[in-house]
Amino acid sequence: MPAIDPKTWNSLRALEAAGAPGFLQDLVREFLATVPDRLSKVKLALQNGDDDALEREAHAFKSSCGALGAMSAAGALDELETLGREKRASEGAAPLAALERDLDEACGELRTAVELP
C-alpha cells in the first residue's frame, strides 16, 4: 500500500493543473514544515497521559494527513484520537510507532512527488 493515496494525489494534481501552478509544492512544503511540531504535540500528550490534548492534537493532525492522502498516517492518528476520547492515552505506544513509520514514508513520497530535497 503506498504511503500516499493515488486517488487523493491525482485529485490534488488536477486542482493544480486547473490553474494553480505551484499549489502542490507549497502545500507539501507547508505540511512538511508542520510535521515535527504536530508529532511532538501528540508525543507530549501521550507522555503526560493528557487524554484531552491527545484527542485534540491527533484530530487536527489527522485532517492534514488525510488532505494530502497520507491515509495510513491518518489511520494511526484516528486510533490515537479515539484513545484520547476514550481516556486511554496509556495505550498509545503501538499507534504512535505506526504513526512515526507511516509519516516517514509519507513525507518521503511527498518530497519525491513535488521534487523537494
Protein backbone atom coordinates (compact mmCIF):
# COMPACT_ATOMS: atom_id res chain seq x y z
CA MET A 1 0.00 0.00 0.00
CA PRO A 2 1.51 3.36 -0.97
CA ALA A 3 2.06 5.92 1.78
CA ILE A 4 0.14 8.49 -0.32
CA ASP A 5 -3.27 7.54 -1.69
CA PRO A 6 -3.08 7.81 -5.51
CA LYS A 7 -6.71 8.91 -5.87
CA THR A 8 -6.27 11.80 -3.44
CA TRP A 9 -2.96 12.78 -5.01
CA ASN A 10 -4.44 12.72 -8.52
CA SER A 11 -7.28 14.98 -7.36
CA LEU A 12 -4.76 17.45 -5.97
CA ARG A 13 -2.76 17.33 -9.20
CA ALA A 14 -5.95 18.08 -11.15
CA LEU A 15 -6.55 21.16 -9.00
CA GLU A 16 -3.04 22.36 -9.70
CA ALA A 17 -3.42 21.73 -13.43
CA ALA A 18 -6.68 23.66 -13.45
CA GLY A 19 -4.89 26.90 -12.74
CA ALA A 20 -2.90 26.87 -9.53
CA PRO A 21 0.73 26.32 -10.57
CA GLY A 22 2.98 25.60 -7.62
CA PHE A 23 -0.01 24.78 -5.41
CA LEU A 24 1.14 21.26 -4.56
CA GLN A 25 4.73 22.18 -3.86
CA ASP A 26 3.57 24.95 -1.49
CA LEU A 27 1.06 22.63 0.18
CA VAL A 28 3.62 19.87 0.67
CA ARG A 29 6.28 22.31 1.88
CA GLU A 30 3.87 23.70 4.50
CA PHE A 31 2.81 20.21 5.60
CA LEU A 32 6.42 19.05 5.95
CA ALA A 33 7.28 22.15 7.97
CA THR A 34 4.48 21.43 10.47
CA VAL A 35 5.06 17.69 10.91
CA PRO A 36 7.75 17.92 13.62
CA ASP A 37 5.69 20.24 15.83
CA ARG A 38 2.47 18.30 15.38
CA LEU A 39 4.17 14.97 16.08
CA SER A 40 5.83 16.49 19.13
CA LYS A 41 2.46 17.62 20.49
CA VAL A 42 0.99 14.14 20.05
CA LYS A 43 4.01 12.59 21.79
CA LEU A 44 3.82 15.10 24.65
CA ALA A 45 0.13 14.36 25.17
CA LEU A 46 0.93 10.65 25.34
CA GLN A 47 3.87 11.16 27.70
CA ASN A 48 1.74 13.30 30.01
CA GLY A 49 -1.26 10.98 29.82
CA ASP A 50 -3.28 14.01 28.68
CA ASP A 51 -6.29 12.38 27.01
CA ASP A 52 -7.92 15.68 26.01
CA ALA A 53 -4.76 17.03 24.38
CA LEU A 54 -4.21 13.70 22.61
CA GLU A 55 -7.71 13.74 21.17
CA ARG A 56 -7.38 17.38 20.06
CA GLU A 57 -3.88 17.14 18.57
CA ALA A 58 -4.48 13.81 16.84
CA HIS A 59 -7.71 15.10 15.30
CA ALA A 60 -6.09 18.23 13.86
CA PHE A 61 -3.08 16.33 12.54
CA LYS A 62 -5.31 13.61 11.06
CA SER A 63 -7.11 16.18 8.94
CA SER A 64 -3.86 17.48 7.46
CA CYS A 65 -2.62 13.99 6.67
CA GLY A 66 -5.90 12.99 5.08
CA ALA A 67 -6.00 16.10 2.90
CA LEU A 68 -2.70 15.09 1.31
CA GLY A 69 -3.57 11.42 1.01
CA ALA A 70 -1.37 10.13 3.83
CA MET A 71 -4.08 7.65 4.75
CA SER A 72 -2.01 5.23 6.84
CA ALA A 73 -0.76 8.11 8.98
CA ALA A 74 -4.32 9.45 9.20
CA GLY A 75 -5.46 5.98 10.33
CA ALA A 76 -2.88 5.87 13.13
CA LEU A 77 -3.95 9.36 14.19
CA ASP A 78 -7.58 8.28 14.16
CA GLU A 79 -6.67 5.48 16.53
CA LEU A 80 -4.81 7.92 18.79
CA GLU A 81 -7.74 10.34 18.69
CA THR A 82 -10.07 7.54 19.76
CA LEU A 83 -7.75 6.57 22.61
CA GLY A 84 -7.80 10.17 23.81
CA ARG A 85 -11.58 10.41 23.56
CA GLU A 86 -11.95 7.13 25.47
CA LYS A 87 -9.44 8.25 28.14
CA ARG A 88 -6.96 5.52 27.18
CA ALA A 89 -3.86 7.52 26.22
CA SER A 90 -1.76 4.98 28.11
CA GLU A 91 -2.41 2.53 25.25
CA GLY A 92 -0.89 4.78 22.61
CA ALA A 93 2.58 3.25 22.16
CA ALA A 94 1.72 0.97 19.22
CA PRO A 95 -0.31 3.55 17.25
CA LEU A 96 2.46 6.12 17.86
CA ALA A 97 5.07 3.74 16.45
CA ALA A 98 2.84 3.13 13.42
CA LEU A 99 2.33 6.88 13.01
CA GLU A 100 6.07 7.58 13.05
CA ARG A 101 6.73 4.87 10.46
CA ASP A 102 3.83 5.96 8.25
CA LEU A 103 4.79 9.63 8.46
CA ASP A 104 8.36 8.86 7.48
CA GLU A 105 7.16 7.01 4.39
CA ALA A 106 4.53 9.63 3.51
CA CYS A 107 6.93 12.55 3.88
CA GLY A 108 9.45 10.79 1.65
CA GLU A 109 6.85 10.14 -1.03
CA LEU A 110 5.58 13.72 -0.85
CA ARG A 111 9.10 15.16 -1.20
CA THR A 112 9.70 12.96 -4.22
CA ALA A 113 6.33 13.77 -5.78
CA VAL A 114 6.95 17.51 -5.77
CA GLU A 115 10.73 17.26 -6.17
CA LEU A 116 11.77 18.69 -2.81
CA PRO A 117 15.14 17.75 -1.27
